Amino acid sequence: MRAMVWLVLLATLLLWSGNWIIARAVRDDIAPGIATAGRLVVVLLILLPFTFSGLKKKFGQLQGKPVLLAIGFFGGGLHLAFQWLGLHYTTATSATLYLSTAPIFILLLARPLLGERISLRQWAGVAVSFCGVALIGTQGRLFSGASLASFNVGDALALASMAFWGAYTVLLRMRRDALDMAEFLAVLCAMGLVTLLPWAAYEAFHGMQVDLSARGTVAVLYSAVGSLLLAGAGWAYVVKRLGAARAGVTMHLMPGIAVLLSMIFLDEYPGWYHGAGIALILAGVALSSWRAAR
């Protein structure tokens, strides 16, 4: 049984990491807003036959609808759309390293949204992590005269994607609804789809790649079924058996997995600044988490 848990964990991390590789590989095959909207439509088509009756009964009595709207706005569509857009301009190697900044954004956003205090040690951890971010985003030119001007726009978009993920995670703590997991995912995808409609319409009217190629179709199906549904179910299975703390630590394996996949499938190889940058990010995460661990 323990071996099964670890196999499911490995499969889950591979599915999530692979989403960045897929998005980078098909960046010229489909526009990012259309791709993200298509992913949400696929998930809704799968979930609604099983959740529609339950949602119809519960929706009128739902508590915390503004929180659900905010969750859908940040986590339902914008997170993945910014990820896919960023991968038009930066490598998957660079973008995936920002996955480890999620705890930093959660820490920063918990202050205004949940009223949690940030200690001086945690602020120091934030500063160290963002030094690592700057080192990666400037491709090692952190201390040159034009370091900020050289920050890659794709890296900035990938970083914004993780900020949205941080907001989504903090808002999850504020949920007060009675939806089960399938119903919540359906609501999340529906709200995310509404959020993305103006983005997708802009892409359609400005001549961006709207028609799905075979590669684009496979990418959208992978992102919907593999990255969202299967990986989501696998993560729930793992957390239930390992606990949230032990499972959460394994998330830091994802950048390494994604970099390895980038080397195999995209022929992208990390530079020295990738290694130094992720070392600083992880050191900052460890420093900012130390107080809570104690």
C-alpha atoms as a PDB file:
ATOM      1  CA  MET A   1       0.000   0.000   0.000  1.00  0.00           C
ATOM      2  CA  ARG A   2       2.822   2.433   0.851  1.00  0.00           C
ATOM      3  CA  ALA A   3       4.450   1.730  -2.533  1.00  0.00           C
ATOM      4  CA  MET A   4       1.134   2.562  -4.248  1.00  0.00           C
ATOM      5  CA  VAL A   5       0.963   5.916  -2.453  1.00  0.00           C
ATOM      6  CA  TRP A   6       4.440   6.869  -3.643  1.00  0.00           C
ATOM      7  CA  LEU A   7       3.676   5.732  -7.189  1.00  0.00           C
ATOM      8  CA  VAL A   8       0.526   7.860  -7.249  1.00  0.00           C
ATOM      9  CA  LEU A   9       2.537  10.789  -5.879  1.00  0.00           C
ATOM     10  CA  LEU A  10       5.176  10.408  -8.592  1.00  0.00           C
ATOM     11  CA  ALA A  11       2.487  10.184 -11.296  1.00  0.00           C
ATOM     12  CA  THR A  12       0.777  13.301  -9.920  1.00  0.00           C
ATOM     13  CA  LEU A  13       3.977  15.348  -9.903  1.00  0.00           C
ATOM     14  CA  LEU A  14       4.803  14.137 -13.422  1.00  0.00           C
ATOM     15  CA  LEU A  15       1.354  15.138 -14.705  1.00  0.00           C
ATOM     16  CA  TRP A  16       1.605  18.602 -13.170  1.00  0.00           C
ATOM     17  CA  SER A  17       5.185  19.143 -14.328  1.00  0.00           C
ATOM     18  CA  GLY A  18       4.336  17.905 -17.799  1.00  0.00           C
ATOM     19  CA  ASN A  19       1.734  20.645 -18.177  1.00  0.00           C
ATOM     20  CA  TRP A  20       4.518  23.252 -18.407  1.00  0.00           C
ATOM     21  CA  ILE A  21       6.361  21.180 -21.019  1.00  0.00           C
ATOM     22  CA  ILE A  22       3.215  20.724 -23.104  1.00  0.00           C
ATOM     23  CA  ALA A  23       2.380  24.439 -22.943  1.00  0.00           C
ATOM     24  CA  ARG A  24       5.875  25.373 -24.117  1.00  0.00           C
ATOM     25  CA  ALA A  25       5.844  22.770 -26.905  1.00  0.00           C
ATOM     26  CA  VAL A  26       2.534  23.957 -28.451  1.00  0.00           C
ATOM     27  CA  ARG A  27       2.974  27.703 -27.905  1.00  0.00           C
ATOM     28  CA  ASP A  28       2.663  28.355 -31.654  1.00  0.00           C
ATOM     29  CA  ASP A  29      -0.270  25.968 -32.139  1.00  0.00           C
ATOM     30  CA  ILE A  30      -2.912  27.673 -30.008  1.00  0.00           C
ATOM     31  CA  ALA A  31      -3.374  31.007 -28.246  1.00  0.00           C
ATOM     32  CA  PRO A  32      -3.065  30.835 -24.435  1.00  0.00           C
ATOM     33  CA  GLY A  33      -6.527  32.202 -23.620  1.00  0.00           C
ATOM     34  CA  ILE A  34      -8.222  29.837 -26.079  1.00  0.00           C
ATOM     35  CA  ALA A  35      -6.194  26.907 -24.733  1.00  0.00           C
ATOM     36  CA  THR A  36      -7.143  27.669 -21.131  1.00  0.00           C
ATOM     37  CA  ALA A  37     -10.812  28.212 -21.972  1.00  0.00           C
ATOM     38  CA  GLY A  38     -10.830  24.935 -23.922  1.00  0.00           C
ATOM     39  CA  ARG A  39      -9.390  23.121 -20.929  1.00  0.00           C
ATOM     40  CA  LEU A  40     -12.161  24.454 -18.690  1.00  0.00           C
ATOM     41  CA  VAL A  41     -14.853  23.486 -21.196  1.00  0.00           C
ATOM     42  CA  VAL A  42     -13.540  19.903 -21.328  1.00  0.00           C
ATOM     43  CA  VAL A  43     -13.555  19.605 -17.529  1.00  0.00           C
ATOM     44  CA  LEU A  44     -17.072  21.046 -17.316  1.00  0.00           C
ATOM     45  CA  LEU A  45     -18.360  18.586 -19.919  1.00  0.00           C
ATOM     46  CA  ILE A  46     -16.936  15.733 -17.836  1.00  0.00           C
ATOM     47  CA  LEU A  47     -18.145  16.974 -14.439  1.00  0.00           C
ATOM     48  CA  LEU A  48     -21.561  18.532 -15.061  1.00  0.00           C
ATOM     49  CA  PRO A  49     -23.451  15.263 -15.712  1.00  0.00           C
ATOM     50  CA  PHE A  50     -22.411  14.134 -12.214  1.00  0.00           C
ATOM     51  CA  THR A  51     -22.713  17.447 -10.371  1.00  0.00           C
ATOM     52  CA  PHE A  52     -25.560  19.403 -11.978  1.00  0.00           C
ATOM     53  CA  SER A  53     -28.381  18.115  -9.744  1.00  0.00           C
ATOM     54  CA  GLY A  54     -26.339  18.651  -6.568  1.00  0.00           C
ATOM     55  CA  LEU A  55     -25.331  22.155  -7.619  1.00  0.00           C
ATOM     56  CA  LYS A  56     -28.924  23.022  -8.467  1.00  0.00           C
ATOM     57  CA  LYS A  57     -30.042  22.057  -4.943  1.00  0.00           C
ATOM     58  CA  LYS A  58     -27.158  23.753  -3.112  1.00  0.00           C
ATOM     59  CA  PHE A  59     -26.579  26.927  -5.109  1.00  0.00           C
ATOM     60  CA  GLY A  60     -29.391  28.951  -3.552  1.00  0.00           C
ATOM     61  CA  GLN A  61     -28.134  28.236  -0.016  1.00  0.00           C
ATOM     62  CA  LEU A  62     -24.436  28.703  -0.700  1.00  0.00           C
ATOM     63  CA  GLN A  63     -22.565  30.798   1.833  1.00  0.00           C
ATOM     64  CA  GLY A  64     -19.526  32.840   0.920  1.00  0.00           C
ATOM     65  CA  LYS A  65     -20.366  33.434  -2.744  1.00  0.00           C
ATOM     66  CA  PRO A  66     -17.953  36.410  -3.000  1.00  0.00           C
ATOM     67  CA  VAL A  67     -15.137  34.113  -1.867  1.00  0.00           C
ATOM     68  CA  LEU A  68     -16.115  31.569  -4.517  1.00  0.00           C
ATOM     69  CA  LEU A  69     -16.084  34.311  -7.143  1.00  0.00           C
ATOM     70  CA  ALA A  70     -12.589  35.372  -6.065  1.00  0.00           C
ATOM     71  CA  ILE A  71     -11.389  31.758  -6.058  1.00  0.00           C
ATOM     72  CA  GLY A  72     -12.739  31.284  -9.575  1.00  0.00           C
ATOM     73  CA  PHE A  73     -11.162  34.530 -10.763  1.00  0.00           C
ATOM     74  CA  PHE A  74      -7.638  33.762  -9.548  1.00  0.00           C
ATOM     75  CA  GLY A  75      -7.538  29.961  -9.662  1.00  0.00           C
ATOM     76  CA  GLY A  76     -10.043  29.009 -12.325  1.00  0.00           C
ATOM     77  CA  GLY A  77      -8.495  30.613 -15.371  1.00  0.00           C
ATOM     78  CA  LEU A  78      -5.956  33.398 -14.902  1.00  0.00           C
ATOM     79  CA  HIS A  79      -3.373  31.192 -13.182  1.00  0.00           C
ATOM     80  CA  LEU A  80      -3.060  28.785 -16.104  1.00  0.00           C
ATOM     81  CA  ALA A  81      -3.573  31.418 -18.825  1.00  0.00           C
ATOM     82  CA  PHE A  82      -0.653  33.490 -17.517  1.00  0.00           C
ATOM     83  CA  GLN A  83       1.415  30.314 -17.303  1.00  0.00           C
ATOM     84  CA  TRP A  84       0.714  29.458 -20.942  1.00  0.00           C
ATOM     85  CA  LEU A  85       1.258  33.061 -22.098  1.00  0.00           C
ATOM     86  CA  GLY A  86       4.562  33.306 -20.228  1.00  0.00           C
ATOM     87  CA  LEU A  87       5.847  30.186 -21.958  1.00  0.00           C
ATOM     88  CA  HIS A  88       5.625  32.041 -25.278  1.00  0.00           C
ATOM     89  CA  TYR A  89       8.523  34.204 -24.115  1.00  0.00           C
ATOM     90  CA  THR A  90      10.626  32.140 -21.721  1.00  0.00           C
ATOM     91  CA  THR A  91      11.845  28.575 -21.506  1.00  0.00           C
ATOM     92  CA  ALA A  92      10.047  25.890 -19.538  1.00  0.00           C
ATOM     93  CA  THR A  93      13.301  25.490 -17.585  1.00  0.00           C
ATOM     94  CA  SER A  94      13.084  29.053 -16.263  1.00  0.00           C
ATOM     95  CA  ALA A  95       9.314  29.127 -15.789  1.00  0.00           C
ATOM     96  CA  THR A  96       9.049  25.917 -13.803  1.00  0.00           C
ATOM     97  CA  LEU A  97      11.626  27.029 -11.246  1.00  0.00           C
ATOM     98  CA  TYR A  98       9.139  29.662 -10.069  1.00  0.00           C
ATOM     99  CA  LEU A  99       6.896  26.860  -8.802  1.00  0.00           C
ATOM    100  CA  SER A 100       8.889  26.987  -5.583  1.00  0.00           C
ATOM    101  CA  THR A 101       7.877  30.619  -4.995  1.00  0.00           C
ATOM    102  CA  ALA A 102       4.287  29.556  -4.180  1.00  0.00           C
ATOM    103  CA  PRO A 103       4.906  29.417  -0.381  1.00  0.00           C
ATOM    104  CA  ILE A 104       6.333  32.951  -0.513  1.00  0.00           C
ATOM    105  CA  PHE A 105       3.242  34.361  -2.236  1.00  0.00           C
ATOM    106  CA  ILE A 106       0.982  32.461   0.160  1.00  0.00           C
ATOM    107  CA  LEU A 107       2.873  34.002   3.075  1.00  0.00           C
ATOM    108  CA  LEU A 108       2.620  37.536   1.640  1.00  0.00           C
ATOM    109  CA  LEU A 109      -1.083  37.277   0.773  1.00  0.00           C
ATOM    110  CA  ALA A 110      -2.041  35.692   4.091  1.00  0.00           C
ATOM    111  CA  ARG A 111      -1.149  38.994   5.747  1.00  0.00           C
ATOM    112  CA  PRO A 112      -3.884  41.184   4.141  1.00  0.00           C
ATOM    113  CA  LEU A 113      -6.458  38.420   3.564  1.00  0.00           C
ATOM    114  CA  LEU A 114      -6.168  36.401   6.778  1.00  0.00           C
ATOM    115  CA  GLY A 115      -4.484  38.885   9.095  1.00  0.00           C
ATOM    116  CA  GLU A 116      -1.514  36.590   9.736  1.00  0.00           C
ATOM    117  CA  ARG A 117       1.576  38.327  11.094  1.00  0.00           C
ATOM    118  CA  ILE A 118       4.878  38.108   9.189  1.00  0.00           C
ATOM    119  CA  SER A 119       7.998  37.994  11.346  1.00  0.00           C
ATOM    120  CA  LEU A 120      11.322  39.654  10.559  1.00  0.00           C
ATOM    121  CA  ARG A 121      12.836  36.242   9.814  1.00  0.00           C
ATOM    122  CA  GLN A 122      10.056  35.532   7.317  1.00  0.00           C
ATOM    123  CA  TRP A 123      10.611  38.910   5.613  1.00  0.00           C
ATOM    124  CA  ALA A 124      14.281  37.972   5.291  1.00  0.00           C
ATOM    125  CA  GLY A 125      13.228  34.695   3.642  1.00  0.00           C
ATOM    126  CA  VAL A 126      11.035  36.617   1.185  1.00  0.00           C
ATOM    127  CA  ALA A 127      13.980  38.871   0.295  1.00  0.00           C
ATOM    128  CA  VAL A 128      16.324  35.913  -0.267  1.00  0.00           C
ATOM    129  CA  SER A 129      13.758  34.138  -2.468  1.00  0.00           C
ATOM    130  CA  PHE A 130      13.196  37.184  -4.635  1.00  0.00           C
ATOM    131  CA  CYS A 131      16.951  37.548  -5.107  1.00  0.00           C
ATOM    132  CA  GLY A 132      16.779  34.070  -6.637  1.00  0.00           C
ATOM    133  CA  VAL A 133      13.814  35.131  -8.794  1.00  0.00           C
ATOM    134  CA  ALA A 134      15.740  38.184 -10.000  1.00  0.00           C
ATOM    135  CA  LEU A 135      18.808  36.075 -10.784  1.00  0.00           C
ATOM    136  CA  ILE A 136      16.778  33.710 -12.995  1.00  0.00           C
ATOM    137  CA  GLY A 137      14.672  36.440 -14.608  1.00  0.00           C
ATOM    138  CA  THR A 138      17.745  38.484 -15.585  1.00  0.00           C
ATOM    139  CA  GLN A 139      19.584  35.346 -16.743  1.00  0.00           C
ATOM    140  CA  GLY A 140      22.430  35.906 -14.325  1.00  0.00           C
ATOM    141  CA  ARG A 141      22.767  39.657 -14.981  1.00  0.00           C
ATOM    142  CA  LEU A 142      21.430  40.628 -11.552  1.00  0.00           C
ATOM    143  CA  PHE A 143      24.271  43.014 -10.748  1.00  0.00           C
ATOM    144  CA  SER A 144      24.685  44.548 -14.179  1.00  0.00           C
ATOM    145  CA  GLY A 145      23.597  48.117 -14.843  1.00  0.00           C
ATOM    146  CA  ALA A 146      20.466  47.124 -16.765  1.00  0.00           C
ATOM    147  CA  SER A 147      19.447  44.142 -14.617  1.00  0.00           C
ATOM    148  CA  LEU A 148      15.808  45.147 -14.050  1.00  0.00           C
ATOM    149  CA  ALA A 149      15.370  46.180 -17.670  1.00  0.00           C
ATOM    150  CA  SER A 150      16.643  42.767 -18.761  1.00  0.00           C
ATOM    151  CA  PHE A 151      14.051  40.848 -16.698  1.00  0.00           C
ATOM    152  CA  ASN A 152      12.364  38.481 -19.158  1.00  0.00           C
ATOM    153  CA  VAL A 153       8.669  39.247 -19.751  1.00  0.00           C
ATOM    154  CA  GLY A 154       7.906  35.522 -19.881  1.00  0.00           C
ATOM    155  CA  ASP A 155       9.487  35.063 -16.464  1.00  0.00           C
ATOM    156  CA  ALA A 156       7.376  37.952 -15.131  1.00  0.00           C
ATOM    157  CA  LEU A 157       4.207  36.306 -16.471  1.00  0.00           C
ATOM    158  CA  ALA A 158       5.176  32.933 -14.983  1.00  0.00           C
ATOM    159  CA  LEU A 159       5.807  34.667 -11.669  1.00  0.00           C
ATOM    160  CA  ALA A 160       2.407  36.384 -11.876  1.00  0.00           C
ATOM    161  CA  SER A 161       0.882  32.944 -12.463  1.00  0.00           C
ATOM    162  CA  MET A 162       2.323  31.770  -9.156  1.00  0.00           C
ATOM    163  CA  ALA A 163       1.041  34.921  -7.423  1.00  0.00           C
ATOM    164  CA  PHE A 164      -2.450  34.033  -8.671  1.00  0.00           C
ATOM    165  CA  TRP A 165      -1.944  30.489  -7.378  1.00  0.00           C
ATOM    166  CA  GLY A 166      -0.938  31.916  -4.003  1.00  0.00           C
ATOM    167  CA  ALA A 167      -4.101  34.048  -3.883  1.00  0.00           C
ATOM    168  CA  TYR A 168      -6.187  31.001  -4.842  1.00  0.00           C
ATOM    169  CA  THR A 169      -4.592  28.925  -2.070  1.00  0.00           C
ATOM    170  CA  VAL A 170      -5.159  31.575   0.612  1.00  0.00           C
ATOM    171  CA  LEU A 171      -8.764  32.093  -0.508  1.00  0.00           C
ATOM    172  CA  LEU A 172      -9.364  28.348  -0.197  1.00  0.00           C
ATOM    173  CA  ARG A 173      -8.930  28.767   3.572  1.00  0.00           C
ATOM    174  CA  MET A 174     -11.840  31.218   3.548  1.00  0.00           C
ATOM    175  CA  ARG A 175     -14.341  28.822   1.954  1.00  0.00           C
ATOM    176  CA  ARG A 176     -17.621  28.373   3.839  1.00  0.00           C
ATOM    177  CA  ASP A 177     -19.651  26.459   1.242  1.00  0.00           C
ATOM    178  CA  ALA A 178     -20.991  22.907   1.399  1.00  0.00           C
ATOM    179  CA  LEU A 179     -19.802  21.794  -2.047  1.00  0.00           C
ATOM    180  CA  ASP A 180     -18.057  18.458  -2.425  1.00  0.00           C
ATOM    181  CA  MET A 181     -14.833  18.271  -4.451  1.00  0.00           C
ATOM    182  CA  ALA A 182     -16.455  17.522  -7.836  1.00  0.00           C
ATOM    183  CA  GLU A 183     -19.055  20.278  -7.352  1.00  0.00           C
ATOM    184  CA  PHE A 184     -16.378  22.745  -6.271  1.00  0.00           C
ATOM    185  CA  LEU A 185     -14.247  21.943  -9.339  1.00  0.00           C
ATOM    186  CA  ALA A 186     -17.261  22.458 -11.600  1.00  0.00           C
ATOM    187  CA  VAL A 187     -17.993  25.866 -10.036  1.00  0.00           C
ATOM    188  CA  LEU A 188     -14.297  26.789 -10.191  1.00  0.00           C
ATOM    189  CA  CYS A 189     -14.088  25.948 -13.898  1.00  0.00           C
ATOM    190  CA  ALA A 190     -17.362  27.740 -14.704  1.00  0.00           C
ATOM    191  CA  MET A 191     -16.191  30.932 -12.994  1.00  0.00           C
ATOM    192  CA  GLY A 192     -12.769  30.638 -14.588  1.00  0.00           C
ATOM    193  CA  LEU A 193     -14.396  30.286 -18.007  1.00  0.00           C
ATOM    194  CA  VAL A 194     -16.449  33.455 -17.477  1.00  0.00           C
ATOM    195  CA  THR A 195     -13.261  35.280 -16.432  1.00  0.00           C
ATOM    196  CA  LEU A 196     -11.435  34.158 -19.587  1.00  0.00           C
ATOM    197  CA  LEU A 197     -14.154  34.954 -22.129  1.00  0.00           C
ATOM    198  CA  PRO A 198     -12.946  38.556 -22.749  1.00  0.00           C
ATOM    199  CA  TRP A 199      -9.363  37.287 -23.113  1.00  0.00           C
ATOM    200  CA  ALA A 200     -10.393  34.557 -25.577  1.00  0.00           C
ATOM    201  CA  ALA A 201     -12.576  37.021 -27.519  1.00  0.00           C
ATOM    202  CA  TYR A 202      -9.631  39.421 -27.822  1.00  0.00           C
ATOM    203  CA  GLU A 203      -7.448  36.633 -29.231  1.00  0.00           C
ATOM    204  CA  ALA A 204     -10.157  35.602 -31.699  1.00  0.00           C
ATOM    205  CA  PHE A 205     -10.712  39.151 -33.000  1.00  0.00           C
ATOM    206  CA  HIS A 206      -7.011  39.939 -33.298  1.00  0.00           C
ATOM    207  CA  GLY A 207      -6.142  37.002 -35.501  1.00  0.00           C
ATOM    208  CA  MET A 208      -4.287  34.872 -32.977  1.00  0.00           C
ATOM    209  CA  GLN A 209      -4.126  31.096 -33.367  1.00  0.00           C
ATOM    210  CA  VAL A 210      -7.693  29.961 -32.640  1.00  0.00           C
ATOM    211  CA  ASP A 211      -8.111  26.838 -34.782  1.00  0.00           C
ATOM    212  CA  LEU A 212      -7.023  23.736 -32.904  1.00  0.00           C
ATOM    213  CA  SER A 213      -4.293  21.730 -34.577  1.00  0.00           C
ATOM    214  CA  ALA A 214      -3.836  18.077 -33.651  1.00  0.00           C
ATOM    215  CA  ARG A 215      -1.008  19.055 -31.277  1.00  0.00           C
ATOM    216  CA  GLY A 216      -3.094  21.814 -29.746  1.00  0.00           C
ATOM    217  CA  THR A 217      -6.027  19.469 -29.200  1.00  0.00           C
ATOM    218  CA  VAL A 218      -3.823  16.908 -27.448  1.00  0.00           C
ATOM    219  CA  ALA A 219      -2.355  19.680 -25.273  1.00  0.00           C
ATOM    220  CA  VAL A 220      -5.782  20.946 -24.176  1.00  0.00           C
ATOM    221  CA  LEU A 221      -6.990  17.399 -23.416  1.00  0.00           C
ATOM    222  CA  TYR A 222      -3.820  16.661 -21.461  1.00  0.00           C
ATOM    223  CA  SER A 223      -4.155  19.869 -19.470  1.00  0.00           C
ATOM    224  CA  ALA A 224      -7.827  19.189 -18.694  1.00  0.00           C
ATOM    225  CA  VAL A 225      -7.857  15.454 -18.013  1.00  0.00           C
ATOM    226  CA  GLY A 226      -4.269  14.821 -16.937  1.00  0.00           C
ATOM    227  CA  SER A 227      -3.187  17.991 -15.180  1.00  0.00           C
ATOM    228  CA  LEU A 228      -6.505  18.953 -13.575  1.00  0.00           C
ATOM    229  CA  LEU A 229      -8.696  15.887 -13.067  1.00  0.00           C
ATOM    230  CA  LEU A 230      -6.248  12.976 -12.727  1.00  0.00           C
ATOM    231  CA  ALA A 231      -3.542  14.945 -10.919  1.00  0.00           C
ATOM    232  CA  GLY A 232      -6.143  16.567  -8.670  1.00  0.00           C
ATOM    233  CA  ALA A 233      -7.582  13.193  -7.708  1.00  0.00           C
ATOM    234  CA  GLY A 234      -4.091  11.757  -7.213  1.00  0.00           C
ATOM    235  CA  TRP A 235      -3.096  14.641  -4.959  1.00  0.00           C
ATOM    236  CA  ALA A 236      -6.208  14.171  -2.800  1.00  0.00           C
ATOM    237  CA  TYR A 237      -5.366  10.448  -2.509  1.00  0.00           C
ATOM    238  CA  VAL A 238      -1.767  11.183  -1.479  1.00  0.00           C
ATOM    239  CA  VAL A 239      -2.604  13.934   1.029  1.00  0.00           C
ATOM    240  CA  LYS A 240      -5.163  11.683   2.719  1.00  0.00           C
ATOM    241  CA  ARG A 241      -2.551   8.944   3.256  1.00  0.00           C
ATOM    242  CA  LEU A 242       0.652  10.939   3.827  1.00  0.00           C
ATOM    243  CA  GLY A 243      -0.771  14.054   5.427  1.00  0.00           C
ATOM    244  CA  ALA A 244      -0.701  17.610   4.088  1.00  0.00           C
ATOM    245  CA  ALA A 245       2.721  18.498   5.535  1.00  0.00           C
ATOM    246  CA  ARG A 246       4.596  15.480   4.145  1.00  0.00           C
ATOM    247  CA  ALA A 247       2.857  15.707   0.790  1.00  0.00           C
ATOM    248  CA  GLY A 248       3.393  19.458   0.533  1.00  0.00           C
ATOM    249  CA  VAL A 249       7.168  19.166   0.873  1.00  0.00           C
ATOM    250  CA  THR A 250       7.263  16.987  -2.256  1.00  0.00           C
ATOM    251  CA  MET A 251       5.975  19.916  -4.349  1.00  0.00           C
ATOM    252  CA  HIS A 252       9.559  21.191  -4.401  1.00  0.00           C
ATOM    253  CA  LEU A 253      10.453  18.157  -6.531  1.00  0.00           C
ATOM    254  CA  MET A 254       8.394  19.558  -9.401  1.00  0.00           C
ATOM    255  CA  PRO A 255      10.968  22.086 -10.683  1.00  0.00           C
ATOM    256  CA  GLY A 256      13.589  19.331 -10.864  1.00  0.00           C
ATOM    257  CA  ILE A 257      11.175  16.990 -12.656  1.00  0.00           C
ATOM    258  CA  ALA A 258      10.147  19.736 -15.084  1.00  0.00           C
ATOM    259  CA  VAL A 259      13.756  20.690 -15.844  1.00  0.00           C
ATOM    260  CA  LEU A 260      14.541  17.028 -16.591  1.00  0.00           C
ATOM    261  CA  LEU A 261      11.491  16.791 -18.876  1.00  0.00           C
ATOM    262  CA  SER A 262      12.562  20.021 -20.607  1.00  0.00           C
ATOM    263  CA  MET A 263      15.950  18.516 -21.345  1.00  0.00           C
ATOM    264  CA  ILE A 264      14.410  15.323 -22.743  1.00  0.00           C
ATOM    265  CA  PHE A 265      11.508  16.718 -24.797  1.00  0.00           C
ATOM    266  CA  LEU A 266      12.404  20.371 -25.519  1.00  0.00           C
ATOM    267  CA  ASP A 267      16.203  20.225 -25.680  1.00  0.00           C
ATOM    268  CA  GLU A 268      16.372  23.027 -23.090  1.00  0.00           C
ATOM    269  CA  TYR A 269      19.293  22.909 -20.671  1.00  0.00           C
ATOM    270  CA  PRO A 270      19.677  24.901 -17.443  1.00  0.00           C
ATOM    271  CA  GLY A 271      22.384  27.529 -17.034  1.00  0.00           C
ATOM    272  CA  TRP A 272      24.381  28.288 -13.904  1.00  0.00           C
ATOM    273  CA  TYR A 273      21.921  31.027 -12.929  1.00  0.00           C
ATOM    274  CA  HIS A 274      19.062  28.491 -12.856  1.00  0.00           C
ATOM    275  CA  GLY A 275      20.873  26.436 -10.218  1.00  0.00           C
ATOM    276  CA  ALA A 276      21.919  29.471  -8.185  1.00  0.00           C
ATOM    277  CA  GLY A 277      18.452  31.010  -8.471  1.00  0.00           C
ATOM    278  CA  ILE A 278      16.530  27.938  -7.318  1.00  0.00           C
ATOM    279  CA  ALA A 279      19.006  27.503  -4.452  1.00  0.00           C
ATOM    280  CA  LEU A 280      18.237  31.048  -3.268  1.00  0.00           C
ATOM    281  CA  ILE A 281      14.466  30.542  -3.707  1.00  0.00           C
ATOM    282  CA  LEU A 282      14.491  27.329  -1.676  1.00  0.00           C
ATOM    283  CA  ALA A 283      16.732  28.888   0.981  1.00  0.00           C
ATOM    284  CA  GLY A 284      14.271  31.756   1.291  1.00  0.00           C
ATOM    285  CA  VAL A 285      11.313  29.366   1.519  1.00  0.00           C
ATOM    286  CA  ALA A 286      13.106  27.394   4.259  1.00  0.00           C
ATOM    287  CA  LEU A 287      13.929  30.580   6.162  1.00  0.00           C
ATOM    288  CA  SER A 288      10.384  31.957   5.932  1.00  0.00           C
ATOM    289  CA  SER A 289       8.878  28.597   6.941  1.00  0.00           C
ATOM    290  CA  TRP A 290      11.226  27.992   9.883  1.00  0.00           C
ATOM    291  CA  ARG A 291       9.161  29.916  12.416  1.00  0.00           C
ATOM    292  CA  ALA A 292       5.974  28.009  11.545  1.00  0.00           C
ATOM    293  CA  ALA A 293       7.817  24.682  11.713  1.00  0.00           C
ATOM    294  CA  ARG A 294       9.096  25.476  15.197  1.00  0.00           C
END
